[in-house]
């Protein structure tokens, strides 16, 4: 079967690898779509480690990696698999890890408890973002009571656009999308934001006048996190992997800052599924371009140029 493999910075090949064997507790999934996790794809493509660890990344990257947001069909089930059967539509719940094959491939084996059956109401394209959506839930949950609160999301890439829909579904009075990209802010309004703030303009003064009570930072950059710190008078949950330094002073002391915590639970997966069934979460709109594996480099260049929120890759 074919798979994408990053051989070195900005060097990508389509490689031929064996179809992986299926253990007793595993299913073999025929991949329909694997969508980008933009920050991760871009950093590995450029030769940068997303977590800024010395000596990383190690090339060549395992084939299929960093693909970890995937949907497809079960085509084989191991003898110990009880909850899934051949023909079930499923989505991946988490990455297999950076030293294991990823999901930019035609077939992938996954433990039964690492995939979830997806509702008929959700397309393969939309369902591929299950992993990102369920990992967002703990960061939303840690904000506490959301009902009636003035909430915000700084950085409205794919994670931020998912976060704002969750805040709205949970009863926030206001959901303010903060970014510097007008097109992303327009999309945020389409997906349920009640207001937008372009933080590179005088619009930032609106947050000085009416600070946010609860904020999720999804920017992954110091400038975005600084906006969240400066304009939150309550709890700030940091989802984006922060890069570079921010300023923290006594005026930020009243902000409850929460970094990475526990991972998602079965209940968090069920929450995402329930939002899809109730049509309160649109992940399909985020995947603006669909390309075959052979055009991976073109897709990553589109992400870097901010021409798409997510790219969906499929084996042609």
Protein backbone atom coordinates (compact mmCIF):
# COMPACT_ATOMS: atom_id res chain seq x y z
CA UNK A 1 0.00 0.00 0.00
CA UNK A 2 1.10 3.60 -0.37
CA UNK A 3 1.82 6.07 2.41
CA UNK A 4 3.21 9.57 2.81
CA UNK A 5 6.64 9.80 4.40
CA UNK A 6 8.60 12.94 5.30
CA UNK A 7 12.20 11.99 4.55
CA UNK A 8 13.82 15.30 5.51
CA UNK A 9 12.72 18.92 5.89
CA UNK A 10 10.66 19.84 2.80
CA UNK A 11 11.31 16.42 1.28
CA UNK A 12 8.32 14.11 0.99
CA UNK A 13 7.90 10.78 -0.78
CA UNK A 14 5.06 8.40 -1.49
CA UNK A 15 6.40 5.06 -0.25
CA UNK A 16 5.18 1.49 -0.70
CA UNK A 17 4.80 -0.31 2.64
CA UNK A 18 3.10 -3.55 3.70
CA UNK A 19 -0.48 -3.54 4.90
CA UNK A 20 -0.09 -3.85 8.69
CA UNK A 21 -1.12 -7.12 10.38
CA UNK A 22 -4.13 -7.11 12.70
CA UNK A 23 -3.78 -8.27 16.32
CA UNK A 24 -6.65 -9.96 18.16
CA UNK A 25 -7.75 -6.67 19.78
CA UNK A 26 -7.36 -4.57 16.64
CA UNK A 27 -9.30 -3.54 13.57
CA UNK A 28 -7.89 -2.78 10.15
CA UNK A 29 -9.24 0.50 8.82
CA UNK A 30 -9.32 1.48 5.17
CA UNK A 31 -8.55 5.19 5.31
CA UNK A 32 -11.09 7.48 3.68
CA UNK A 33 -9.57 10.80 4.80
CA UNK A 34 -6.71 11.90 7.00
CA UNK A 35 -6.82 15.62 7.74
CA UNK A 36 -4.02 17.92 8.76
CA UNK A 37 -3.27 19.05 12.27
CA UNK A 38 -1.80 22.22 10.77
CA UNK A 39 0.74 23.17 13.44
CA UNK A 40 2.15 19.65 13.60
CA UNK A 41 2.26 19.10 9.83
CA UNK A 42 3.87 22.45 9.17
CA UNK A 43 6.57 22.16 11.84
CA UNK A 44 7.64 18.66 10.77
CA UNK A 45 7.63 19.69 7.12
CA UNK A 46 9.85 22.68 7.94
CA UNK A 47 12.20 20.70 10.20
CA UNK A 48 11.02 22.22 13.49
CA UNK A 49 9.90 20.33 16.60
CA UNK A 50 6.47 21.43 17.80
CA UNK A 51 7.58 20.93 21.43
CA UNK A 52 10.98 22.60 20.89
CA UNK A 53 12.96 19.58 22.10
CA UNK A 54 16.72 19.65 21.36
CA UNK A 55 17.70 17.22 18.62
CA UNK A 56 14.18 16.76 17.22
CA UNK A 57 12.65 15.95 14.76
CA UNK A 58 14.37 12.71 13.74
CA UNK A 59 14.28 12.02 10.00
CA UNK A 60 13.02 10.16 8.18
CA UNK A 61 9.71 10.48 10.03
CA UNK A 62 7.84 7.14 10.33
CA UNK A 63 5.64 6.60 7.30
CA UNK A 64 2.15 8.03 7.62
CA UNK A 65 3.16 10.42 10.39
CA UNK A 66 2.11 13.02 11.56
CA UNK A 67 -1.28 11.95 10.22
CA UNK A 68 -3.46 11.28 13.27
CA UNK A 69 -6.90 12.69 12.42
CA UNK A 70 -8.45 9.93 10.33
CA UNK A 71 -11.75 8.37 9.31
CA UNK A 72 -12.52 5.26 7.31
CA UNK A 73 -14.12 1.83 7.22
CA UNK A 74 -13.37 -1.30 9.21
CA UNK A 75 -12.31 -3.98 6.71
CA UNK A 76 -11.03 -6.59 9.16
CA UNK A 77 -11.53 -7.26 12.86
CA UNK A 78 -9.38 -9.32 15.22
CA UNK A 79 -10.80 -12.31 17.07
CA UNK A 80 -11.13 -10.41 20.39
CA UNK A 81 -12.94 -7.41 18.91
CA UNK A 82 -16.52 -7.29 20.21
CA UNK A 83 -17.87 -3.79 19.62
CA UNK A 84 -16.98 -3.25 15.97
CA UNK A 85 -17.54 -5.19 12.77
CA UNK A 86 -16.50 -5.09 9.15
CA UNK A 87 -18.27 -2.22 7.41
CA UNK A 88 -18.46 0.11 10.41
CA UNK A 89 -17.54 3.73 9.77
CA UNK A 90 -15.00 4.86 12.35
CA UNK A 91 -12.72 7.74 13.33
CA UNK A 92 -9.41 7.67 15.17
CA UNK A 93 -9.43 8.83 18.78
CA UNK A 94 -5.72 9.58 19.13
CA UNK A 95 -2.32 9.39 17.50
CA UNK A 96 -0.38 6.14 17.55
CA UNK A 97 2.69 8.08 18.74
CA UNK A 98 5.57 9.75 16.97
CA UNK A 99 7.67 6.57 16.68
CA UNK A 100 4.83 4.53 15.12
CA UNK A 101 3.33 4.69 11.64
CA UNK A 102 0.79 7.45 11.18
CA UNK A 103 -2.48 7.54 9.28
CA UNK A 104 -1.45 9.11 5.96
CA UNK A 105 -1.74 5.67 4.39
CA UNK A 106 -4.25 3.38 2.70
CA UNK A 107 -4.79 1.02 5.65
CA UNK A 108 -3.98 1.27 9.35
CA UNK A 109 -4.40 -1.11 12.26
CA UNK A 110 -5.79 0.33 15.50
CA UNK A 111 -6.84 -1.15 18.86
CA UNK A 112 -10.60 -1.35 19.12
CA UNK A 113 -10.68 1.21 21.94
CA UNK A 114 -8.67 3.73 19.90
CA UNK A 115 -11.39 4.28 17.29
CA UNK A 116 -15.07 5.20 17.59
CA UNK A 117 -18.05 4.46 15.40
CA UNK A 118 -19.23 7.69 13.78
CA UNK A 119 -22.85 8.81 13.32
CA UNK A 120 -24.51 8.52 9.95
CA UNK A 121 -25.07 12.29 10.06
CA UNK A 122 -21.31 12.97 9.85
CA UNK A 123 -19.28 12.68 6.67
CA UNK A 124 -15.87 11.01 6.54
CA UNK A 125 -14.34 14.47 6.07
CA UNK A 126 -16.04 15.88 9.16
CA UNK A 127 -15.46 12.77 11.26
CA UNK A 128 -11.70 12.83 10.66
CA UNK A 129 -11.44 15.72 13.14
CA UNK A 130 -12.73 13.55 16.00
CA UNK A 131 -9.29 13.46 17.62
CA UNK A 132 -8.88 17.24 17.72
CA UNK A 133 -12.45 17.77 18.91
CA UNK A 134 -12.27 15.28 21.77
CA UNK A 135 -8.89 16.62 22.94
CA UNK A 136 -10.45 20.08 23.08
CA UNK A 137 -13.17 18.98 25.51
CA UNK A 138 -11.00 18.76 28.67
CA UNK A 139 -9.74 22.30 28.07
CA UNK A 140 -13.33 23.53 27.78
CA UNK A 141 -14.42 21.53 30.83
CA UNK A 142 -11.68 23.06 32.99
CA UNK A 143 -13.20 26.51 32.49
CA UNK A 144 -15.99 25.55 34.90
CA UNK A 145 -19.49 26.94 34.48
CA UNK A 146 -19.85 28.47 31.03
CA UNK A 147 -23.57 29.27 31.02
CA UNK A 148 -24.18 32.99 30.73
CA UNK A 149 -20.49 33.92 30.66
CA UNK A 150 -18.60 36.22 28.31
CA UNK A 151 -16.14 33.82 26.71
CA UNK A 152 -13.42 34.13 24.13
CA UNK A 153 -11.19 32.11 21.85
CA UNK A 154 -7.81 33.51 20.85
CA UNK A 155 -6.56 31.99 17.61
CA UNK A 156 -9.31 30.71 15.34
CA UNK A 157 -7.55 28.03 13.38
CA UNK A 158 -9.19 24.59 13.42
CA UNK A 159 -8.89 24.12 17.20
CA UNK A 160 -10.26 27.58 17.92
CA UNK A 161 -13.16 27.12 15.53
CA UNK A 162 -14.05 23.87 17.28
CA UNK A 163 -13.69 25.50 20.71
CA UNK A 164 -16.05 28.36 19.94
CA UNK A 165 -18.75 25.96 18.77
CA UNK A 166 -18.43 24.01 22.02
CA UNK A 167 -18.64 27.18 24.11
CA UNK A 168 -21.79 28.19 22.28
CA UNK A 169 -23.32 24.71 22.68
CA UNK A 170 -22.64 24.86 26.44
CA UNK A 171 -24.55 28.10 26.89
CA UNK A 172 -22.02 30.93 26.79
CA UNK A 173 -23.70 34.33 26.58
CA UNK A 174 -20.96 35.68 24.32
CA UNK A 175 -18.35 33.87 22.27
CA UNK A 176 -15.74 36.34 21.05
CA UNK A 177 -13.33 35.14 18.35
CA UNK A 178 -9.93 36.87 18.44
CA UNK A 179 -7.43 36.65 15.58
CA UNK A 180 -5.53 38.80 13.08
CA UNK A 181 -6.84 37.05 9.96
CA UNK A 182 -10.06 38.66 8.66
CA UNK A 183 -11.04 35.54 6.69
CA UNK A 184 -10.74 33.36 9.80
CA UNK A 185 -12.80 35.85 11.80
CA UNK A 186 -15.50 35.80 9.13
CA UNK A 187 -15.58 32.00 9.28
CA UNK A 188 -15.80 32.18 13.07
CA UNK A 189 -18.98 34.25 12.76
CA UNK A 190 -20.43 31.68 10.35
CA UNK A 191 -19.73 28.93 12.89
CA UNK A 192 -21.38 30.66 15.83
CA UNK A 193 -19.18 33.41 17.29
CA UNK A 194 -21.25 36.31 18.61
CA UNK A 195 -18.49 38.85 17.99
CA UNK A 196 -15.00 39.07 16.51
CA UNK A 197 -11.94 41.12 17.41
CA UNK A 198 -9.02 41.69 15.07
CA UNK A 199 -6.30 42.04 17.68
CA UNK A 200 -3.94 43.75 15.20
CA UNK A 201 -6.28 46.74 14.99
CA UNK A 202 -8.01 49.21 17.30
CA UNK A 203 -10.73 46.59 17.79
CA UNK A 204 -8.60 45.28 20.66
CA UNK A 205 -9.87 48.24 22.69
CA UNK A 206 -13.25 46.52 22.91
CA UNK A 207 -11.65 43.85 25.07
CA UNK A 208 -10.14 46.53 27.31
CA UNK A 209 -13.61 47.94 27.84
CA UNK A 210 -15.25 44.52 28.31
CA UNK A 211 -12.74 41.85 29.33
CA UNK A 212 -13.44 38.16 28.86
CA UNK A 213 -14.53 36.04 31.80
CA UNK A 214 -13.34 32.75 30.32
CA UNK A 215 -10.88 32.20 27.47
CA UNK A 216 -9.43 29.30 25.52
CA UNK A 217 -6.14 30.13 23.82
CA UNK A 218 -5.65 28.15 20.60
CA UNK A 219 -3.12 30.45 18.97
CA UNK A 220 0.13 28.59 19.66
CA UNK A 221 2.08 31.85 19.51
CA UNK A 222 3.18 34.34 22.13
CA UNK A 223 1.22 37.24 20.66
CA UNK A 224 -2.08 35.36 20.82
CA UNK A 225 -1.46 34.08 24.33
CA UNK A 226 -0.52 37.58 25.45
CA UNK A 227 -3.87 38.90 24.22
CA UNK A 228 -5.61 36.17 26.19
CA UNK A 229 -3.60 36.98 29.33
CA UNK A 230 -4.15 40.72 29.04
CA UNK A 231 -7.90 40.55 28.49
CA UNK A 232 -9.16 37.67 30.64
CA UNK A 233 -10.50 38.36 34.12
CA UNK A 234 -11.27 34.79 35.05
CA UNK A 235 -9.99 31.43 33.81
CA UNK A 236 -7.64 31.01 30.84
CA UNK A 237 -7.24 27.50 29.43
CA UNK A 238 -4.23 27.12 27.12
CA UNK A 239 -4.79 24.56 24.35
CA UNK A 240 -2.28 25.77 21.76
CA UNK A 241 1.34 24.68 22.23
CA UNK A 242 2.90 28.05 23.17
CA UNK A 243 6.01 29.33 21.42
CA UNK A 244 8.24 32.20 22.54
CA UNK A 245 7.74 34.15 25.75
CA UNK A 246 4.87 36.16 27.19
CA UNK A 247 4.84 38.83 29.88
CA UNK A 248 3.23 37.99 33.20
CA UNK A 249 2.89 40.76 35.78
CA UNK A 250 0.86 41.51 38.89
CA UNK A 251 -2.03 42.68 36.73
CA UNK A 252 -2.38 39.10 35.47
CA UNK A 253 -2.46 37.69 38.99
CA UNK A 254 -6.27 37.51 39.11
CA UNK A 255 -6.35 35.27 36.02
CA UNK A 256 -6.56 31.54 36.69
CA UNK A 257 -4.16 30.10 34.09
CA UNK A 258 -4.48 26.42 33.21
CA UNK A 259 -2.03 24.61 30.94
CA UNK A 260 -2.07 21.05 29.67
CA UNK A 261 -3.96 18.66 31.93
CA UNK A 262 -5.53 15.25 31.71
CA UNK A 263 -6.41 13.77 28.34
CA UNK A 264 -9.94 13.17 27.08
CA UNK A 265 -12.23 10.48 28.49
CA UNK A 266 -14.89 8.21 27.05
CA UNK A 267 -17.42 10.82 28.18
CA UNK A 268 -15.59 13.47 26.17
CA UNK A 269 -15.83 11.29 23.06
CA UNK A 270 -19.55 10.87 23.71
CA UNK A 271 -19.91 14.64 24.04
CA UNK A 272 -18.39 15.18 20.59
CA UNK A 273 -20.66 12.50 19.11
CA UNK A 274 -23.69 14.13 20.73
CA UNK A 275 -22.78 17.55 19.30
CA UNK A 276 -22.53 16.04 15.84
CA UNK A 277 -25.88 14.29 16.19
CA UNK A 278 -27.53 17.53 17.36
CA UNK A 279 -25.86 19.46 14.52
CA UNK A 280 -24.10 21.74 17.01
CA UNK A 281 -20.58 21.00 15.76
CA UNK A 282 -19.47 21.53 12.17
CA UNK A 283 -16.03 20.08 11.50
CA UNK A 284 -16.54 19.47 7.79
CA UNK A 285 -16.41 23.19 6.95
CA UNK A 286 -12.89 23.36 8.39
CA UNK A 287 -11.56 21.01 5.69
CA UNK A 288 -11.47 23.48 2.84
CA UNK A 289 -9.38 21.50 0.36
CA UNK A 290 -9.25 17.78 -0.42
CA UNK A 291 -6.18 16.39 -2.17
CA UNK A 292 -4.67 12.96 -2.96
CA UNK A 293 -1.60 11.86 -1.03
CA UNK A 294 0.59 12.71 -4.02
CA UNK A 295 -0.19 16.43 -3.50
CA UNK A 296 0.81 16.55 0.16
CA UNK A 297 3.49 19.22 -0.32
CA UNK A 298 1.03 21.42 -2.20
CA UNK A 299 -1.44 21.10 0.65
CA UNK A 300 1.11 21.99 3.33
CA UNK A 301 2.17 25.02 1.32
CA UNK A 302 -1.48 26.10 1.26
CA UNK A 303 -1.63 25.80 5.04
CA UNK A 304 1.52 27.89 5.44
CA UNK A 305 0.03 30.55 3.17
CA UNK A 306 -3.20 30.54 5.25
CA UNK A 307 -5.21 29.50 2.19
CA UNK A 308 -7.02 26.74 4.09
CA UNK A 309 -7.89 25.91 7.70
CA UNK A 310 -7.40 22.18 7.21
CA UNK A 311 -6.53 19.95 4.26
CA UNK A 312 -8.07 16.51 3.81
CA UNK A 313 -5.77 13.96 2.16
CA UNK A 314 -7.04 10.72 0.67
CA UNK A 315 -5.41 7.73 -1.03
CA UNK A 316 -6.26 8.08 -4.72
